[in-house]
Amino acid sequence: MKTEILRIDENSLMRAKKIIDGGGLVAFPTETVYGLGANALNQSAVELIFVTKGRPSDNPLIAHVHKDYDISELVTEVPDYAKLLAKAFLPGPLTMVYKSRGVVCPAVSCGLDTLAIRVPSHSGAQAFLKYVGVPIAAPSANISKHVSPVTAQHVYDDLNGKIELILDGGKCSGGIESTVLDCTGEVPCVLRSGLVTRDMVAQVAGECDIYHIVEGQRVRSPGMKYKHYSPRCRTALYSYDDRMKAYDEYREHAARGERVYIMCDDMTAADMADAKILPLGGDENAVASNLYDRLREGERVADIIIAVAPQKQDGVMVGVMNRLTKACG
């Protein structure tokens, strides 16, 4: 199969719709990461996502819809607080989980009675979703467990020969996957942290819980259970307080002639003298935006990436640390 990368225009959208209608897969940009999309109403198409990615069959997917889509066609109840959250944050990097009507095929939710719905803000994603006219089930457009893709080239590097079309919408600005929020209870509950933080949700909804994984319990959201985001090289992770230990390890590897880089924010980099740095940026949004790009860069140039966690640990950094720990911890 030949894989093409095409800019988003009328011709590429026509082709994307033809592929989706035929039960195939299309990679498309969002503001967070690139998604690997299939018609959420087509069981065999959704199953193809799992096969193509090598994704565990009990890891649920998210249904993506355009901003004017009536989600009452897909879910049974939208709590008042969820309506307030949708008004505040959508379109945007927030996925909300509702009780499902069972309209989408069972493979999307892996047999659960809930459905995760996302309305991405990326203009290219909106154009794609509007054009195809059906809910699109999509995880990140990469081989399972590898670093999530934030450029069309990243998708191509993982899925060349496995899918026909990658819609190129440039580099994703957000950089880490959407916040996933359970909206089936009386209070919203964070299942996966992201750019929309718990405090942001609580300011709108009045309160917000955080879900803690229980051993043996079924996965309720993508990103909760399995190893994710891992570069194809060795890694190590140090806390901010142990940053000089990270520098010592860096020098040990460098002395042995290994290709070694430190991945850290700008404040930490200032303490690292002559070390080779994969720079994450100076604030939490920059760190989130650059994380996967730097991990992808690192696996090309390094034998080992030594990551140092930012000093700041709250807000968006909760989501960053979730990904950084799974990638390098």
C-alpha atoms as a PDB file:
ATOM      1  CA  MET A   1       0.000   0.000   0.000  1.00  0.00           C
ATOM      2  CA  LYS A   2       1.300   3.459  -0.921  1.00  0.00           C
ATOM      3  CA  THR A   3       0.974   6.099   1.779  1.00  0.00           C
ATOM      4  CA  GLU A   4       0.565   9.720   0.725  1.00  0.00           C
ATOM      5  CA  ILE A   5       0.811  12.931   2.735  1.00  0.00           C
ATOM      6  CA  LEU A   6      -1.533  15.586   1.346  1.00  0.00           C
ATOM      7  CA  ARG A   7      -2.354  19.128   2.406  1.00  0.00           C
ATOM      8  CA  ILE A   8      -5.949  19.571   3.503  1.00  0.00           C
ATOM      9  CA  ASP A   9      -8.020  20.889   0.613  1.00  0.00           C
ATOM     10  CA  GLU A  10     -11.125  19.914  -1.349  1.00  0.00           C
ATOM     11  CA  ASN A  11      -9.323  17.161  -3.277  1.00  0.00           C
ATOM     12  CA  SER A  12      -7.696  15.533  -0.244  1.00  0.00           C
ATOM     13  CA  LEU A  13     -10.954  15.724   1.714  1.00  0.00           C
ATOM     14  CA  MET A  14     -12.813  14.019  -1.153  1.00  0.00           C
ATOM     15  CA  ARG A  15     -10.238  11.267  -1.095  1.00  0.00           C
ATOM     16  CA  ALA A  16     -10.427  11.002   2.696  1.00  0.00           C
ATOM     17  CA  LYS A  17     -14.204  10.596   2.558  1.00  0.00           C
ATOM     18  CA  LYS A  18     -13.904   7.883  -0.072  1.00  0.00           C
ATOM     19  CA  ILE A  19     -11.456   5.961   2.123  1.00  0.00           C
ATOM     20  CA  ILE A  20     -13.598   6.371   5.253  1.00  0.00           C
ATOM     21  CA  ASP A  21     -16.770   5.366   3.402  1.00  0.00           C
ATOM     22  CA  GLY A  22     -14.925   2.298   2.090  1.00  0.00           C
ATOM     23  CA  GLY A  23     -13.961   1.131   5.572  1.00  0.00           C
ATOM     24  CA  GLY A  24     -10.372   2.389   5.477  1.00  0.00           C
ATOM     25  CA  LEU A  25      -8.219   4.525   7.757  1.00  0.00           C
ATOM     26  CA  VAL A  26      -7.146   8.169   7.434  1.00  0.00           C
ATOM     27  CA  ALA A  27      -4.636   9.973   9.658  1.00  0.00           C
ATOM     28  CA  PHE A  28      -5.641  13.536  10.466  1.00  0.00           C
ATOM     29  CA  PRO A  29      -4.335  16.410  12.618  1.00  0.00           C
ATOM     30  CA  THR A  30      -5.821  17.724  15.841  1.00  0.00           C
ATOM     31  CA  GLU A  31      -4.562  20.440  18.157  1.00  0.00           C
ATOM     32  CA  THR A  32      -3.059  17.757  20.432  1.00  0.00           C
ATOM     33  CA  VAL A  33      -1.662  14.867  18.334  1.00  0.00           C
ATOM     34  CA  TYR A  34      -2.440  13.248  14.971  1.00  0.00           C
ATOM     35  CA  GLY A  35      -5.285  10.734  15.039  1.00  0.00           C
ATOM     36  CA  LEU A  36      -5.793   7.501  13.097  1.00  0.00           C
ATOM     37  CA  GLY A  37      -9.426   7.662  12.072  1.00  0.00           C
ATOM     38  CA  ALA A  38     -12.097   5.190  10.990  1.00  0.00           C
ATOM     39  CA  ASN A  39     -15.870   5.365  10.676  1.00  0.00           C
ATOM     40  CA  ALA A  40     -17.078   4.776  14.250  1.00  0.00           C
ATOM     41  CA  LEU A  41     -20.255   3.155  12.876  1.00  0.00           C
ATOM     42  CA  ASN A  42     -18.300   0.490  10.968  1.00  0.00           C
ATOM     43  CA  GLN A  43     -17.163  -2.427  13.144  1.00  0.00           C
ATOM     44  CA  SER A  44     -14.608  -3.847  10.700  1.00  0.00           C
ATOM     45  CA  ALA A  45     -13.107  -0.394  10.065  1.00  0.00           C
ATOM     46  CA  VAL A  46     -12.665   0.225  13.795  1.00  0.00           C
ATOM     47  CA  GLU A  47     -11.155  -3.226  14.270  1.00  0.00           C
ATOM     48  CA  LEU A  48      -8.657  -2.309  11.534  1.00  0.00           C
ATOM     49  CA  ILE A  49      -7.362   0.498  13.778  1.00  0.00           C
ATOM     50  CA  PHE A  50      -6.394  -2.034  16.446  1.00  0.00           C
ATOM     51  CA  VAL A  51      -4.692  -4.300  13.910  1.00  0.00           C
ATOM     52  CA  THR A  52      -2.815  -1.468  12.185  1.00  0.00           C
ATOM     53  CA  LYS A  53      -1.508   0.020  15.428  1.00  0.00           C
ATOM     54  CA  GLY A  54      -0.962  -3.252  17.261  1.00  0.00           C
ATOM     55  CA  ARG A  55      -3.224  -1.801  19.944  1.00  0.00           C
ATOM     56  CA  PRO A  56      -4.570  -3.943  22.829  1.00  0.00           C
ATOM     57  CA  SER A  57      -8.207  -4.833  22.188  1.00  0.00           C
ATOM     58  CA  ASP A  58      -9.343  -3.642  25.637  1.00  0.00           C
ATOM     59  CA  ASN A  59      -8.018  -0.076  25.199  1.00  0.00           C
ATOM     60  CA  PRO A  60     -11.027   2.142  24.291  1.00  0.00           C
ATOM     61  CA  LEU A  61     -11.093   4.704  21.494  1.00  0.00           C
ATOM     62  CA  ILE A  62     -12.489   8.236  21.312  1.00  0.00           C
ATOM     63  CA  ALA A  63     -15.234   9.274  18.873  1.00  0.00           C
ATOM     64  CA  HIS A  64     -14.395  12.602  17.197  1.00  0.00           C
ATOM     65  CA  VAL A  65     -17.161  14.853  15.863  1.00  0.00           C
ATOM     66  CA  HIS A  66     -17.347  18.342  14.369  1.00  0.00           C
ATOM     67  CA  LYS A  67     -18.537  21.315  16.403  1.00  0.00           C
ATOM     68  CA  ASP A  68     -22.092  21.292  15.021  1.00  0.00           C
ATOM     69  CA  TYR A  69     -22.675  17.577  15.546  1.00  0.00           C
ATOM     70  CA  ASP A  70     -25.611  16.711  17.813  1.00  0.00           C
ATOM     71  CA  ILE A  71     -24.062  14.324  20.332  1.00  0.00           C
ATOM     72  CA  SER A  72     -27.523  13.390  21.642  1.00  0.00           C
ATOM     73  CA  GLU A  73     -27.580  11.015  18.660  1.00  0.00           C
ATOM     74  CA  LEU A  74     -24.749   9.079  20.317  1.00  0.00           C
ATOM     75  CA  VAL A  75     -25.280   9.421  24.084  1.00  0.00           C
ATOM     76  CA  THR A  76     -28.265   9.136  26.398  1.00  0.00           C
ATOM     77  CA  GLU A  77     -27.691  11.957  28.866  1.00  0.00           C
ATOM     78  CA  VAL A  78     -25.570  15.107  29.094  1.00  0.00           C
ATOM     79  CA  PRO A  79     -25.438  16.472  32.670  1.00  0.00           C
ATOM     80  CA  ASP A  80     -25.814  20.210  33.216  1.00  0.00           C
ATOM     81  CA  TYR A  81     -22.195  20.513  34.316  1.00  0.00           C
ATOM     82  CA  ALA A  82     -21.086  18.835  31.076  1.00  0.00           C
ATOM     83  CA  LYS A  83     -23.028  21.416  29.070  1.00  0.00           C
ATOM     84  CA  LEU A  84     -21.217  24.181  30.968  1.00  0.00           C
ATOM     85  CA  LEU A  85     -17.870  22.503  30.324  1.00  0.00           C
ATOM     86  CA  ALA A  86     -18.629  22.095  26.629  1.00  0.00           C
ATOM     87  CA  LYS A  87     -19.487  25.789  26.396  1.00  0.00           C
ATOM     88  CA  ALA A  88     -16.249  26.721  28.168  1.00  0.00           C
ATOM     89  CA  PHE A  89     -13.759  24.374  26.496  1.00  0.00           C
ATOM     90  CA  LEU A  90     -15.136  23.011  23.224  1.00  0.00           C
ATOM     91  CA  PRO A  91     -13.978  22.814  20.561  1.00  0.00           C
ATOM     92  CA  GLY A  92     -10.727  22.039  22.347  1.00  0.00           C
ATOM     93  CA  PRO A  93      -8.494  19.420  23.994  1.00  0.00           C
ATOM     94  CA  LEU A  94     -11.175  17.911  26.226  1.00  0.00           C
ATOM     95  CA  THR A  95     -12.778  14.477  25.808  1.00  0.00           C
ATOM     96  CA  MET A  96     -15.970  13.777  27.751  1.00  0.00           C
ATOM     97  CA  VAL A  97     -17.303  10.312  28.553  1.00  0.00           C
ATOM     98  CA  TYR A  98     -21.076   9.731  28.567  1.00  0.00           C
ATOM     99  CA  LYS A  99     -23.477   6.803  28.670  1.00  0.00           C
ATOM    100  CA  SER A 100     -23.686   5.456  25.134  1.00  0.00           C
ATOM    101  CA  ARG A 101     -26.828   4.914  23.066  1.00  0.00           C
ATOM    102  CA  GLY A 102     -25.061   2.001  21.399  1.00  0.00           C
ATOM    103  CA  VAL A 103     -25.107   3.704  18.002  1.00  0.00           C
ATOM    104  CA  VAL A 104     -21.369   3.421  17.458  1.00  0.00           C
ATOM    105  CA  CYS A 105     -19.963  -0.062  17.052  1.00  0.00           C
ATOM    106  CA  PRO A 106     -18.938  -1.979  20.208  1.00  0.00           C
ATOM    107  CA  ALA A 107     -15.241  -1.993  19.285  1.00  0.00           C
ATOM    108  CA  VAL A 108     -14.986   1.768  19.914  1.00  0.00           C
ATOM    109  CA  SER A 109     -15.668   1.423  23.647  1.00  0.00           C
ATOM    110  CA  CYS A 110     -14.327  -2.130  23.924  1.00  0.00           C
ATOM    111  CA  GLY A 111     -17.682  -3.379  25.185  1.00  0.00           C
ATOM    112  CA  LEU A 112     -18.225  -0.670  27.819  1.00  0.00           C
ATOM    113  CA  ASP A 113     -21.616   1.049  28.063  1.00  0.00           C
ATOM    114  CA  THR A 114     -19.966   4.466  27.774  1.00  0.00           C
ATOM    115  CA  LEU A 115     -18.658   6.539  24.886  1.00  0.00           C
ATOM    116  CA  ALA A 116     -15.811   9.071  24.885  1.00  0.00           C
ATOM    117  CA  ILE A 117     -16.517  12.059  22.620  1.00  0.00           C
ATOM    118  CA  ARG A 118     -14.118  14.772  21.498  1.00  0.00           C
ATOM    119  CA  VAL A 119     -14.598  17.965  19.468  1.00  0.00           C
ATOM    120  CA  PRO A 120     -11.113  19.028  18.312  1.00  0.00           C
ATOM    121  CA  SER A 121     -10.407  22.700  17.665  1.00  0.00           C
ATOM    122  CA  HIS A 122      -7.875  22.199  14.846  1.00  0.00           C
ATOM    123  CA  SER A 123      -9.319  23.716  11.664  1.00  0.00           C
ATOM    124  CA  GLY A 124      -8.100  20.765   9.597  1.00  0.00           C
ATOM    125  CA  ALA A 125      -9.773  18.285  11.929  1.00  0.00           C
ATOM    126  CA  GLN A 126     -13.002  20.274  11.781  1.00  0.00           C
ATOM    127  CA  ALA A 127     -12.876  20.325   7.970  1.00  0.00           C
ATOM    128  CA  PHE A 128     -12.255  16.560   7.840  1.00  0.00           C
ATOM    129  CA  LEU A 129     -14.976  15.676  10.345  1.00  0.00           C
ATOM    130  CA  LYS A 130     -17.515  17.934   8.675  1.00  0.00           C
ATOM    131  CA  TYR A 131     -16.701  16.561   5.234  1.00  0.00           C
ATOM    132  CA  VAL A 132     -16.952  12.863   6.107  1.00  0.00           C
ATOM    133  CA  GLY A 133     -20.139  13.485   8.105  1.00  0.00           C
ATOM    134  CA  VAL A 134     -19.822  10.534  10.514  1.00  0.00           C
ATOM    135  CA  PRO A 135     -18.284  10.123  13.968  1.00  0.00           C
ATOM    136  CA  ILE A 136     -14.630   9.172  13.592  1.00  0.00           C
ATOM    137  CA  ALA A 137     -13.077   6.741  16.063  1.00  0.00           C
ATOM    138  CA  ALA A 138      -9.426   7.619  16.507  1.00  0.00           C
ATOM    139  CA  PRO A 139      -6.477   6.931  18.782  1.00  0.00           C
ATOM    140  CA  SER A 140      -3.092   8.532  18.106  1.00  0.00           C
ATOM    141  CA  ALA A 141      -1.714   7.736  14.650  1.00  0.00           C
ATOM    142  CA  ASN A 142       1.363   5.752  15.663  1.00  0.00           C
ATOM    143  CA  ILE A 143       2.425   2.210  16.338  1.00  0.00           C
ATOM    144  CA  SER A 144       1.159   1.233  19.790  1.00  0.00           C
ATOM    145  CA  LYS A 145       3.519   2.157  22.665  1.00  0.00           C
ATOM    146  CA  HIS A 146       5.636   4.429  20.444  1.00  0.00           C
ATOM    147  CA  VAL A 147       5.832   8.209  20.907  1.00  0.00           C
ATOM    148  CA  SER A 148       2.614   9.915  19.788  1.00  0.00           C
ATOM    149  CA  PRO A 149       2.900  11.844  16.480  1.00  0.00           C
ATOM    150  CA  VAL A 150       2.676  15.630  16.314  1.00  0.00           C
ATOM    151  CA  THR A 151       3.604  16.020  12.627  1.00  0.00           C
ATOM    152  CA  ALA A 152       2.512  14.276   9.441  1.00  0.00           C
ATOM    153  CA  GLN A 153       6.077  12.995   9.042  1.00  0.00           C
ATOM    154  CA  HIS A 154       5.884  11.295  12.446  1.00  0.00           C
ATOM    155  CA  VAL A 155       2.767   9.455  11.243  1.00  0.00           C
ATOM    156  CA  TYR A 156       4.515   8.489   8.011  1.00  0.00           C
ATOM    157  CA  ASP A 157       7.535   7.178   9.927  1.00  0.00           C
ATOM    158  CA  ASP A 158       5.277   4.760  11.849  1.00  0.00           C
ATOM    159  CA  LEU A 159       2.524   3.895   9.371  1.00  0.00           C
ATOM    160  CA  ASN A 160       4.089   4.103   5.904  1.00  0.00           C
ATOM    161  CA  GLY A 161       2.639   1.246   3.860  1.00  0.00           C
ATOM    162  CA  LYS A 162      -0.117   0.579   6.404  1.00  0.00           C
ATOM    163  CA  ILE A 163      -2.580   3.385   5.503  1.00  0.00           C
ATOM    164  CA  GLU A 164      -3.384   5.239   2.287  1.00  0.00           C
ATOM    165  CA  LEU A 165      -3.659   8.845   3.406  1.00  0.00           C
ATOM    166  CA  ILE A 166      -2.228  11.287   5.931  1.00  0.00           C
ATOM    167  CA  LEU A 167      -3.889  14.702   5.989  1.00  0.00           C
ATOM    168  CA  ASP A 168      -1.166  17.241   6.745  1.00  0.00           C
ATOM    169  CA  GLY A 169      -2.248  20.034   9.068  1.00  0.00           C
ATOM    170  CA  GLY A 170       1.188  21.106  10.269  1.00  0.00           C
ATOM    171  CA  LYS A 171       2.684  20.592  13.711  1.00  0.00           C
ATOM    172  CA  CYS A 172       0.174  20.078  16.506  1.00  0.00           C
ATOM    173  CA  SER A 173       0.245  23.003  18.922  1.00  0.00           C
ATOM    174  CA  GLY A 174      -0.940  21.304  22.131  1.00  0.00           C
ATOM    175  CA  GLY A 175       1.435  18.385  22.047  1.00  0.00           C
ATOM    176  CA  ILE A 176      -0.114  15.956  24.549  1.00  0.00           C
ATOM    177  CA  GLU A 177      -3.393  14.077  24.244  1.00  0.00           C
ATOM    178  CA  SER A 178      -6.686  15.544  25.416  1.00  0.00           C
ATOM    179  CA  THR A 179      -7.899  15.518  28.981  1.00  0.00           C
ATOM    180  CA  VAL A 180     -10.460  12.718  29.401  1.00  0.00           C
ATOM    181  CA  LEU A 181     -13.306  13.503  31.775  1.00  0.00           C
ATOM    182  CA  ASP A 182     -15.903  11.028  33.039  1.00  0.00           C
ATOM    183  CA  CYS A 183     -19.272  12.788  32.884  1.00  0.00           C
ATOM    184  CA  THR A 184     -21.454   9.846  33.915  1.00  0.00           C
ATOM    185  CA  GLY A 185     -21.610  10.729  37.619  1.00  0.00           C
ATOM    186  CA  GLU A 186     -22.817  13.628  39.721  1.00  0.00           C
ATOM    187  CA  VAL A 187     -19.343  15.197  39.618  1.00  0.00           C
ATOM    188  CA  PRO A 188     -16.906  15.217  36.674  1.00  0.00           C
ATOM    189  CA  CYS A 189     -13.877  12.983  37.172  1.00  0.00           C
ATOM    190  CA  VAL A 190     -10.509  13.196  35.390  1.00  0.00           C
ATOM    191  CA  LEU A 191      -9.563   9.869  33.822  1.00  0.00           C
ATOM    192  CA  ARG A 192      -6.550  11.228  31.920  1.00  0.00           C
ATOM    193  CA  SER A 193      -4.864  14.586  32.549  1.00  0.00           C
ATOM    194  CA  GLY A 194      -4.123  16.994  29.729  1.00  0.00           C
ATOM    195  CA  LEU A 195      -4.197  20.640  28.732  1.00  0.00           C
ATOM    196  CA  VAL A 196      -7.588  21.240  30.364  1.00  0.00           C
ATOM    197  CA  THR A 197      -6.606  20.863  34.010  1.00  0.00           C
ATOM    198  CA  ARG A 198      -8.581  19.655  37.000  1.00  0.00           C
ATOM    199  CA  ASP A 199      -8.644  23.204  38.412  1.00  0.00           C
ATOM    200  CA  MET A 200      -9.986  24.569  35.123  1.00  0.00           C
ATOM    201  CA  VAL A 201     -12.782  21.982  35.180  1.00  0.00           C
ATOM    202  CA  ALA A 202     -13.584  22.679  38.833  1.00  0.00           C
ATOM    203  CA  GLN A 203     -13.833  26.420  38.202  1.00  0.00           C
ATOM    204  CA  VAL A 204     -16.627  25.756  35.707  1.00  0.00           C
ATOM    205  CA  ALA A 205     -18.322  22.681  37.204  1.00  0.00           C
ATOM    206  CA  GLY A 206     -17.904  23.588  40.874  1.00  0.00           C
ATOM    207  CA  GLU A 207     -15.870  20.490  41.708  1.00  0.00           C
ATOM    208  CA  CYS A 208     -13.879  17.761  40.000  1.00  0.00           C
ATOM    209  CA  ASP A 209     -12.578  14.373  41.131  1.00  0.00           C
ATOM    210  CA  ILE A 210      -9.543  12.440  39.914  1.00  0.00           C
ATOM    211  CA  TYR A 211      -9.857   8.753  39.102  1.00  0.00           C
ATOM    212  CA  HIS A 212      -7.273   6.353  40.548  1.00  0.00           C
ATOM    213  CA  ILE A 213      -6.709   3.084  38.730  1.00  0.00           C
ATOM    214  CA  VAL A 214      -7.712  -0.034  40.660  1.00  0.00           C
ATOM    215  CA  GLU A 215      -5.820  -3.251  39.948  1.00  0.00           C
ATOM    216  CA  GLY A 216      -7.895  -5.625  37.832  1.00  0.00           C
ATOM    217  CA  GLN A 217     -10.510  -3.021  36.907  1.00  0.00           C
ATOM    218  CA  ARG A 218     -11.384  -2.536  33.236  1.00  0.00           C
ATOM    219  CA  VAL A 219      -9.772   0.366  31.439  1.00  0.00           C
ATOM    220  CA  ARG A 220     -12.213   3.307  31.201  1.00  0.00           C
ATOM    221  CA  SER A 221     -10.127   5.633  29.045  1.00  0.00           C
ATOM    222  CA  PRO A 222      -7.197   5.567  26.608  1.00  0.00           C
ATOM    223  CA  GLY A 223      -3.802   6.075  28.225  1.00  0.00           C
ATOM    224  CA  MET A 224      -4.713   4.578  31.615  1.00  0.00           C
ATOM    225  CA  LYS A 225      -3.183   1.106  31.556  1.00  0.00           C
ATOM    226  CA  TYR A 226      -0.495   0.349  29.025  1.00  0.00           C
ATOM    227  CA  LYS A 227       3.060   1.513  28.416  1.00  0.00           C
ATOM    228  CA  HIS A 228       2.928   4.510  26.086  1.00  0.00           C
ATOM    229  CA  TYR A 229       4.898   7.234  24.375  1.00  0.00           C
ATOM    230  CA  SER A 230       8.230   5.338  24.376  1.00  0.00           C
ATOM    231  CA  PRO A 231      11.131   6.343  22.106  1.00  0.00           C
ATOM    232  CA  ARG A 232      13.210   3.659  20.394  1.00  0.00           C
ATOM    233  CA  CYS A 233      16.277   4.225  22.526  1.00  0.00           C
ATOM    234  CA  ARG A 234      17.230   3.808  26.166  1.00  0.00           C
ATOM    235  CA  THR A 235      15.843   6.308  28.628  1.00  0.00           C
ATOM    236  CA  ALA A 236      16.238   7.453  32.210  1.00  0.00           C
ATOM    237  CA  LEU A 237      14.136   9.849  34.264  1.00  0.00           C
ATOM    238  CA  TYR A 238      15.243  12.035  37.164  1.00  0.00           C
ATOM    239  CA  SER A 239      13.295  14.388  39.382  1.00  0.00           C
ATOM    240  CA  TYR A 240      14.100  18.079  39.340  1.00  0.00           C
ATOM    241  CA  ASP A 241      15.776  17.753  42.761  1.00  0.00           C
ATOM    242  CA  ASP A 242      18.060  15.043  41.355  1.00  0.00           C
ATOM    243  CA  ARG A 243      18.980  16.996  38.234  1.00  0.00           C
ATOM    244  CA  MET A 244      22.696  17.027  39.059  1.00  0.00           C
ATOM    245  CA  LYS A 245      22.606  13.228  39.384  1.00  0.00           C
ATOM    246  CA  ALA A 246      21.185  13.249  35.863  1.00  0.00           C
ATOM    247  CA  TYR A 247      24.130  15.397  34.779  1.00  0.00           C
ATOM    248  CA  ASP A 248      26.550  12.954  36.421  1.00  0.00           C
ATOM    249  CA  GLU A 249      24.969  10.068  34.516  1.00  0.00           C
ATOM    250  CA  TYR A 250      25.167  12.114  31.332  1.00  0.00           C
ATOM    251  CA  ARG A 251      28.925  12.559  31.791  1.00  0.00           C
ATOM    252  CA  GLU A 252      29.402   8.838  32.500  1.00  0.00           C
ATOM    253  CA  HIS A 253      27.685   7.860  29.231  1.00  0.00           C
ATOM    254  CA  ALA A 254      29.515  10.565  27.294  1.00  0.00           C
ATOM    255  CA  ALA A 255      32.861   9.372  28.662  1.00  0.00           C
ATOM    256  CA  ARG A 256      32.095   5.916  27.249  1.00  0.00           C
ATOM    257  CA  GLY A 257      31.547   7.427  23.817  1.00  0.00           C
ATOM    258  CA  GLU A 258      27.776   6.962  23.819  1.00  0.00           C
ATOM    259  CA  ARG A 259      25.410   9.402  22.171  1.00  0.00           C
ATOM    260  CA  VAL A 260      23.621  10.874  25.157  1.00  0.00           C
ATOM    261  CA  TYR A 261      21.263  13.839  25.496  1.00  0.00           C
ATOM    262  CA  ILE A 262      19.498  15.472  28.412  1.00  0.00           C
ATOM    263  CA  MET A 263      15.854  16.387  27.799  1.00  0.00           C
ATOM    264  CA  CYS A 264      14.686  19.176  30.090  1.00  0.00           C
ATOM    265  CA  ASP A 265      13.107  22.609  30.353  1.00  0.00           C
ATOM    266  CA  ASP A 266      15.068  25.837  29.971  1.00  0.00           C
ATOM    267  CA  MET A 267      15.561  26.391  33.709  1.00  0.00           C
ATOM    268  CA  THR A 268      17.168  22.973  34.143  1.00  0.00           C
ATOM    269  CA  ALA A 269      19.256  23.335  31.002  1.00  0.00           C
ATOM    270  CA  ALA A 270      20.954  26.371  32.544  1.00  0.00           C
ATOM    271  CA  ASP A 271      22.509  24.036  35.160  1.00  0.00           C
ATOM    272  CA  MET A 272      23.848  21.564  32.624  1.00  0.00           C
ATOM    273  CA  ALA A 273      26.922  23.406  31.336  1.00  0.00           C
ATOM    274  CA  ASP A 274      28.191  21.680  28.172  1.00  0.00           C
ATOM    275  CA  ALA A 275      25.590  18.894  27.984  1.00  0.00           C
ATOM    276  CA  LYS A 276      23.760  18.165  24.743  1.00  0.00           C
ATOM    277  CA  ILE A 277      20.177  19.238  25.350  1.00  0.00           C
ATOM    278  CA  LEU A 278      16.808  18.309  23.884  1.00  0.00           C
ATOM    279  CA  PRO A 279      15.088  21.561  24.911  1.00  0.00           C
ATOM    280  CA  LEU A 280      11.480  21.456  26.080  1.00  0.00           C
ATOM    281  CA  GLY A 281      10.986  25.214  26.486  1.00  0.00           C
ATOM    282  CA  GLY A 282      10.416  27.660  29.277  1.00  0.00           C
ATOM    283  CA  ASP A 283       6.803  27.220  30.451  1.00  0.00           C
ATOM    284  CA  GLU A 284       4.278  24.451  30.910  1.00  0.00           C
ATOM    285  CA  ASN A 285       2.524  24.948  27.579  1.00  0.00           C
ATOM    286  CA  ALA A 286       5.832  24.940  25.707  1.00  0.00           C
ATOM    287  CA  VAL A 287       6.930  21.775  27.526  1.00  0.00           C
ATOM    288  CA  ALA A 288       3.658  20.032  26.616  1.00  0.00           C
ATOM    289  CA  SER A 289       3.887  21.211  23.010  1.00  0.00           C
ATOM    290  CA  ASN A 290       7.498  20.060  22.581  1.00  0.00           C
ATOM    291  CA  LEU A 291       7.545  16.802  24.564  1.00  0.00           C
ATOM    292  CA  TYR A 292       6.748  14.267  21.819  1.00  0.00           C
ATOM    293  CA  ASP A 293       8.702  16.178  19.168  1.00  0.00           C
ATOM    294  CA  ARG A 294      11.820  16.062  21.355  1.00  0.00           C
ATOM    295  CA  LEU A 295      11.330  12.373  22.160  1.00  0.00           C
ATOM    296  CA  ARG A 296      11.087  11.634  18.433  1.00  0.00           C
ATOM    297  CA  GLU A 297      14.164  13.778  17.767  1.00  0.00           C
ATOM    298  CA  GLY A 298      16.016  12.075  20.599  1.00  0.00           C
ATOM    299  CA  GLU A 299      15.481   8.557  19.318  1.00  0.00           C
ATOM    300  CA  ARG A 300      17.084   9.605  16.021  1.00  0.00           C
ATOM    301  CA  VAL A 301      20.236  11.113  17.524  1.00  0.00           C
ATOM    302  CA  ALA A 302      20.766   9.428  20.909  1.00  0.00           C
ATOM    303  CA  ASP A 303      21.639   6.054  22.359  1.00  0.00           C
ATOM    304  CA  ILE A 304      20.098   7.240  25.625  1.00  0.00           C
ATOM    305  CA  ILE A 305      17.828  10.140  26.601  1.00  0.00           C
ATOM    306  CA  ILE A 306      18.155  11.307  30.185  1.00  0.00           C
ATOM    307  CA  ALA A 307      14.993  13.217  31.069  1.00  0.00           C
ATOM    308  CA  VAL A 308      14.746  15.637  33.967  1.00  0.00           C
ATOM    309  CA  ALA A 309      11.283  16.441  35.289  1.00  0.00           C
ATOM    310  CA  PRO A 310      10.284  20.111  35.553  1.00  0.00           C
ATOM    311  CA  GLN A 311      10.210  21.703  38.980  1.00  0.00           C
ATOM    312  CA  LYS A 312       6.574  22.711  38.435  1.00  0.00           C
ATOM    313  CA  GLN A 313       4.308  19.697  38.937  1.00  0.00           C
ATOM    314  CA  ASP A 314       0.765  21.087  38.945  1.00  0.00           C
ATOM    315  CA  GLY A 315      -1.600  22.365  36.237  1.00  0.00           C
ATOM    316  CA  VAL A 316      -0.691  21.210  32.726  1.00  0.00           C
ATOM    317  CA  MET A 317       2.427  19.586  34.186  1.00  0.00           C
ATOM    318  CA  VAL A 318       0.246  16.841  35.694  1.00  0.00           C
ATOM    319  CA  GLY A 319      -0.470  15.666  32.143  1.00  0.00           C
ATOM    320  CA  VAL A 320       3.129  16.199  31.069  1.00  0.00           C
ATOM    321  CA  MET A 321       4.433  14.116  33.984  1.00  0.00           C
ATOM    322  CA  ASN A 322       1.940  11.353  33.176  1.00  0.00           C
ATOM    323  CA  ARG A 323       3.405  11.086  29.670  1.00  0.00           C
ATOM    324  CA  LEU A 324       7.015  11.644  30.717  1.00  0.00           C
ATOM    325  CA  THR A 325       6.828   8.903  33.347  1.00  0.00           C
ATOM    326  CA  LYS A 326       5.315   6.415  30.908  1.00  0.00           C
ATOM    327  CA  ALA A 327       7.853   7.334  28.227  1.00  0.00           C
ATOM    328  CA  CYS A 328      11.041   7.406  30.300  1.00  0.00           C
ATOM    329  CA  GLY A 329      10.291   6.165  33.819  1.00  0.00           C
END
